[in-house]
Amino acid sequence: MPTAFSVLRFVAVLALLPAPFARAQEPAKAAPEPAQTSPLSNATVFIIRHAEKPEDGDGLSPDGVRRAQFYVDYFKGLKIEGKPLQLDHLFAAADSKNSQRSRLTLTPLSRALNLPLDLRFEADDAKSLAEELLAEDHGKAILICWHHGAIPDLLKKLGEKPARLLPDGEWPDDIFDWLIVLRFDAAGGVIPSRCYRIKERWGKARP
C-alpha cells in the first residue's frame, strides 16, 4: 500500500516529464474580421436639377446664371432637420454635345467651397454613379446636379422610389427649384421616412 510520501514523490516526477505528457494547448482563435461599413453610412445625398436653360444653346439662361449664383449662399447655409451640414463632395453630370448646364450650375458653388466638381459620369449613366457612391467614401454630405429626365433612375439606383418624391415618378419639365434629400442609415440603406423634397426659396439660405 503506497504511503503519502510515495504519492507525493510520484506527482513530483510527473511534473518533470517532457512536454508530450503534458496537456496540449488549444490553438488560439482568430480574431473576428471587422464589419464592413458602407460609404453611405449615416450620409445625406442632395439631388438638384441643373438651373434654367435658354431657348437655344447648351448653357444657362440669365435666370439659370442667377440660380447658380444663388446656390452659393443657399448650400453654404443649409440646415437639414435643424442641423447645419457642410458639403463634402460635388457631382455634376458630364458635359455633352447638347448641355453643359449641370457643370455650369455648380461651378460658382464649387469655387466658393473650394471643392472640385466630379464630372466623371454622364447623365444617362446613373448606374455607375450609384455604384461609385455605394463603393467609395465621399463624405457624409453629397450634392448631385443632374438632368431632370435621368433623376428618377438615379433615385431607383440609390434605393428610393421615384413615385414617393416626384409626381407620377417623374421630374416635370418646367420645374427647376426642387431639392431632393435622401438620408441613409448606419448600414448605408436609404431611410424612406426621412427622404423628402424641398422647394427652394430664392434669396434665403435655408430650406
Protein backbone atom coordinates (compact mmCIF):
# COMPACT_ATOMS: atom_id res chain seq x y z
CA MET A 1 0.00 0.00 0.00
CA PRO A 2 1.56 3.32 -1.07
CA THR A 3 2.40 5.78 1.60
CA ALA A 4 1.68 9.52 1.48
CA PHE A 5 5.38 10.10 0.81
CA SER A 6 5.40 7.81 -2.25
CA VAL A 7 2.30 9.53 -3.72
CA LEU A 8 3.91 12.94 -3.41
CA ARG A 9 7.08 11.63 -4.98
CA PHE A 10 5.10 10.24 -7.97
CA VAL A 11 3.37 13.62 -8.53
CA ALA A 12 6.73 15.39 -8.44
CA VAL A 13 8.13 13.00 -11.07
CA LEU A 14 5.15 13.63 -13.39
CA ALA A 15 5.82 17.34 -13.20
CA LEU A 16 9.33 16.74 -14.58
CA LEU A 17 8.23 14.62 -17.53
CA PRO A 18 8.72 16.08 -21.08
CA ALA A 19 6.03 18.05 -22.91
CA PRO A 20 4.30 15.13 -24.71
CA PHE A 21 2.93 14.03 -21.33
CA ALA A 22 1.51 17.48 -20.70
CA ARG A 23 -1.89 18.58 -21.93
CA ALA A 24 -1.73 20.09 -25.40
CA GLN A 25 -2.72 23.72 -25.61
CA GLU A 26 -5.75 24.64 -27.70
CA PRO A 27 -4.92 26.80 -30.74
CA ALA A 28 -5.76 30.48 -30.32
CA LYS A 29 -8.97 31.53 -32.03
CA ALA A 30 -8.62 34.00 -34.89
CA ALA A 31 -9.94 37.49 -34.17
CA PRO A 32 -13.24 38.18 -35.96
CA GLU A 33 -12.96 40.37 -39.03
CA PRO A 34 -14.31 43.90 -38.52
CA ALA A 35 -17.73 44.55 -40.01
CA GLN A 36 -17.68 46.35 -43.35
CA THR A 37 -19.08 49.89 -43.16
CA SER A 38 -20.98 51.28 -46.13
CA PRO A 39 -19.62 54.56 -47.56
CA LEU A 40 -23.17 55.91 -47.30
CA SER A 41 -23.46 55.09 -43.59
CA ASN A 42 -25.37 57.98 -41.96
CA ALA A 43 -24.88 60.08 -45.08
CA THR A 44 -27.15 62.63 -46.77
CA VAL A 45 -27.36 62.88 -50.55
CA PHE A 46 -28.86 66.00 -52.13
CA ILE A 47 -30.09 65.99 -55.72
CA ILE A 48 -30.97 69.04 -57.81
CA ARG A 49 -31.75 69.63 -61.43
CA HIS A 50 -29.44 71.91 -63.38
CA ALA A 51 -30.52 75.56 -63.49
CA GLU A 52 -32.75 77.17 -66.14
CA LYS A 53 -31.85 76.72 -69.78
CA PRO A 54 -32.17 79.15 -72.71
CA GLU A 55 -34.30 78.62 -75.79
CA ASP A 56 -31.17 77.66 -77.71
CA GLY A 57 -27.66 76.60 -76.74
CA ASP A 58 -26.02 74.32 -74.21
CA GLY A 59 -25.54 76.84 -71.39
CA LEU A 60 -27.73 78.59 -68.83
CA SER A 61 -30.32 81.30 -69.32
CA PRO A 62 -29.98 84.58 -67.36
CA ASP A 63 -32.29 83.09 -64.71
CA GLY A 64 -30.12 79.98 -64.67
CA VAL A 65 -26.98 82.04 -64.10
CA ARG A 66 -28.70 83.80 -61.19
CA ARG A 67 -29.79 80.47 -59.70
CA ALA A 68 -26.27 79.06 -59.96
CA GLN A 69 -25.01 82.07 -58.02
CA PHE A 70 -27.88 81.77 -55.52
CA TYR A 71 -26.77 78.24 -54.70
CA VAL A 72 -23.55 79.58 -53.15
CA ASP A 73 -25.38 81.09 -50.18
CA TYR A 74 -28.15 78.52 -50.23
CA PHE A 75 -25.93 75.50 -49.71
CA LYS A 76 -23.34 77.24 -47.55
CA GLY A 77 -26.09 77.96 -45.01
CA LEU A 78 -28.08 74.79 -45.50
CA LYS A 79 -29.71 73.16 -42.48
CA ILE A 80 -31.45 69.80 -42.62
CA GLU A 81 -33.69 68.78 -39.72
CA GLY A 82 -32.32 71.73 -37.79
CA LYS A 83 -28.68 70.74 -38.14
CA PRO A 84 -26.10 72.50 -40.33
CA LEU A 85 -24.43 70.36 -42.94
CA GLN A 86 -21.17 71.07 -44.71
CA LEU A 87 -20.97 69.64 -48.20
CA ASP A 88 -18.15 67.16 -48.72
CA HIS A 89 -18.45 66.27 -52.40
CA LEU A 90 -20.00 67.74 -55.56
CA PHE A 91 -21.10 65.66 -58.54
CA ALA A 92 -22.37 67.14 -61.81
CA ALA A 93 -23.35 65.34 -64.98
CA ALA A 94 -20.56 65.33 -67.54
CA ASP A 95 -20.79 67.81 -70.41
CA SER A 96 -22.43 66.54 -73.57
CA LYS A 97 -22.80 67.99 -77.05
CA ASN A 98 -26.20 69.37 -76.01
CA SER A 99 -25.61 70.55 -72.44
CA GLN A 100 -23.01 71.95 -70.08
CA ARG A 101 -25.70 73.05 -67.66
CA SER A 102 -25.02 70.70 -64.74
CA ARG A 103 -21.38 71.80 -64.59
CA LEU A 104 -22.27 75.49 -65.00
CA THR A 105 -24.91 75.23 -62.27
CA LEU A 106 -22.42 74.08 -59.64
CA THR A 107 -19.32 75.99 -60.78
CA PRO A 108 -19.90 79.05 -58.54
CA LEU A 109 -20.55 76.81 -55.52
CA SER A 110 -17.52 74.68 -56.31
CA ARG A 111 -15.31 77.77 -56.32
CA ALA A 112 -16.85 79.21 -53.16
CA LEU A 113 -16.40 75.97 -51.20
CA ASN A 114 -13.06 75.11 -52.80
CA LEU A 115 -14.48 71.69 -53.69
CA PRO A 116 -13.67 70.20 -57.09
CA LEU A 117 -16.50 69.17 -59.36
CA ASP A 118 -16.67 65.43 -60.04
CA LEU A 119 -17.65 65.21 -63.72
CA ARG A 120 -16.86 61.56 -64.42
CA PHE A 121 -20.39 60.33 -65.05
CA GLU A 122 -22.76 61.02 -67.92
CA ALA A 123 -26.38 61.90 -67.18
CA ASP A 124 -27.70 58.63 -68.63
CA ASP A 125 -25.33 56.52 -66.53
CA ALA A 126 -26.99 56.70 -63.13
CA LYS A 127 -25.92 53.10 -62.51
CA SER A 128 -22.21 53.97 -62.48
CA LEU A 129 -22.74 56.98 -60.25
CA ALA A 130 -24.78 54.95 -57.75
CA GLU A 131 -22.16 52.20 -57.75
CA GLU A 132 -19.48 54.80 -57.03
CA LEU A 133 -21.43 56.16 -54.07
CA LEU A 134 -22.02 52.67 -52.71
CA ALA A 135 -18.38 51.65 -53.09
CA GLU A 136 -16.28 54.73 -52.27
CA ASP A 137 -16.37 57.19 -49.38
CA HIS A 138 -17.21 60.73 -50.46
CA GLY A 139 -18.11 62.15 -47.07
CA LYS A 140 -21.44 62.49 -45.32
CA ALA A 141 -23.00 65.31 -47.33
CA ILE A 142 -23.02 64.86 -51.11
CA LEU A 143 -24.63 67.14 -53.69
CA ILE A 144 -25.55 65.86 -57.16
CA CYS A 145 -26.62 68.15 -60.02
CA TRP A 146 -28.27 66.10 -62.77
CA HIS A 147 -30.61 66.21 -65.73
CA HIS A 148 -34.26 66.03 -64.73
CA GLY A 149 -35.15 63.16 -67.05
CA ALA A 150 -32.46 60.94 -65.52
CA ILE A 151 -33.13 61.75 -61.86
CA PRO A 152 -35.86 59.08 -61.39
CA ASP A 153 -33.42 56.37 -62.48
CA LEU A 154 -30.77 57.76 -60.13
CA LEU A 155 -33.26 57.60 -57.24
CA LYS A 156 -34.00 53.96 -58.05
CA LYS A 157 -30.32 53.05 -58.14
CA LEU A 158 -29.86 54.63 -54.71
CA GLY A 159 -32.74 52.64 -53.25
CA GLU A 160 -35.57 55.19 -53.25
CA LYS A 161 -38.87 55.01 -55.14
CA PRO A 162 -39.26 57.99 -57.52
CA ALA A 163 -43.04 58.00 -57.07
CA ARG A 164 -42.59 58.85 -53.38
CA LEU A 165 -40.78 62.09 -54.16
CA LEU A 166 -41.85 63.08 -57.68
CA PRO A 167 -45.32 63.41 -59.24
CA ASP A 168 -46.02 60.19 -61.13
CA GLY A 169 -42.38 59.31 -60.53
CA GLU A 170 -41.12 61.97 -62.96
CA TRP A 171 -39.44 65.37 -62.62
CA PRO A 172 -41.63 67.92 -64.50
CA ASP A 173 -40.06 69.69 -67.47
CA ASP A 174 -40.79 73.19 -66.14
CA ILE A 175 -39.53 72.75 -62.55
CA PHE A 176 -36.02 73.92 -61.61
CA ASP A 177 -36.38 74.75 -57.92
CA TRP A 178 -36.68 71.39 -56.16
CA LEU A 179 -34.14 69.83 -53.85
CA ILE A 180 -34.33 66.10 -53.14
CA VAL A 181 -32.98 64.95 -49.77
CA LEU A 182 -32.02 61.30 -49.25
CA ARG A 183 -31.00 60.19 -45.75
CA PHE A 184 -29.16 56.90 -45.16
CA ASP A 185 -28.98 54.72 -42.04
CA ALA A 186 -25.90 53.30 -40.29
CA ALA A 187 -25.87 50.34 -42.68
CA GLY A 188 -25.93 52.60 -45.73
CA GLY A 189 -29.56 51.92 -46.64
CA VAL A 190 -31.94 54.67 -47.63
CA ILE A 191 -34.49 55.69 -44.95
CA PRO A 192 -37.78 56.29 -46.82
CA SER A 193 -39.39 58.16 -43.93
CA ARG A 194 -36.52 60.67 -43.94
CA CYS A 195 -36.37 61.25 -47.69
CA TYR A 196 -38.27 64.24 -49.00
CA ARG A 197 -38.48 67.09 -51.49
CA ILE A 198 -37.88 70.75 -50.70
CA LYS A 199 -38.98 73.74 -52.75
CA GLU A 200 -36.08 76.18 -52.81
CA ARG A 201 -36.75 79.73 -51.69
CA TRP A 202 -34.93 82.38 -53.63
CA GLY A 203 -32.87 84.79 -51.56
CA LYS A 204 -32.81 82.57 -48.47
CA ALA A 205 -30.00 80.30 -47.44
CA ARG A 206 -32.10 77.69 -45.68
CA PRO A 207 -34.92 75.48 -46.90
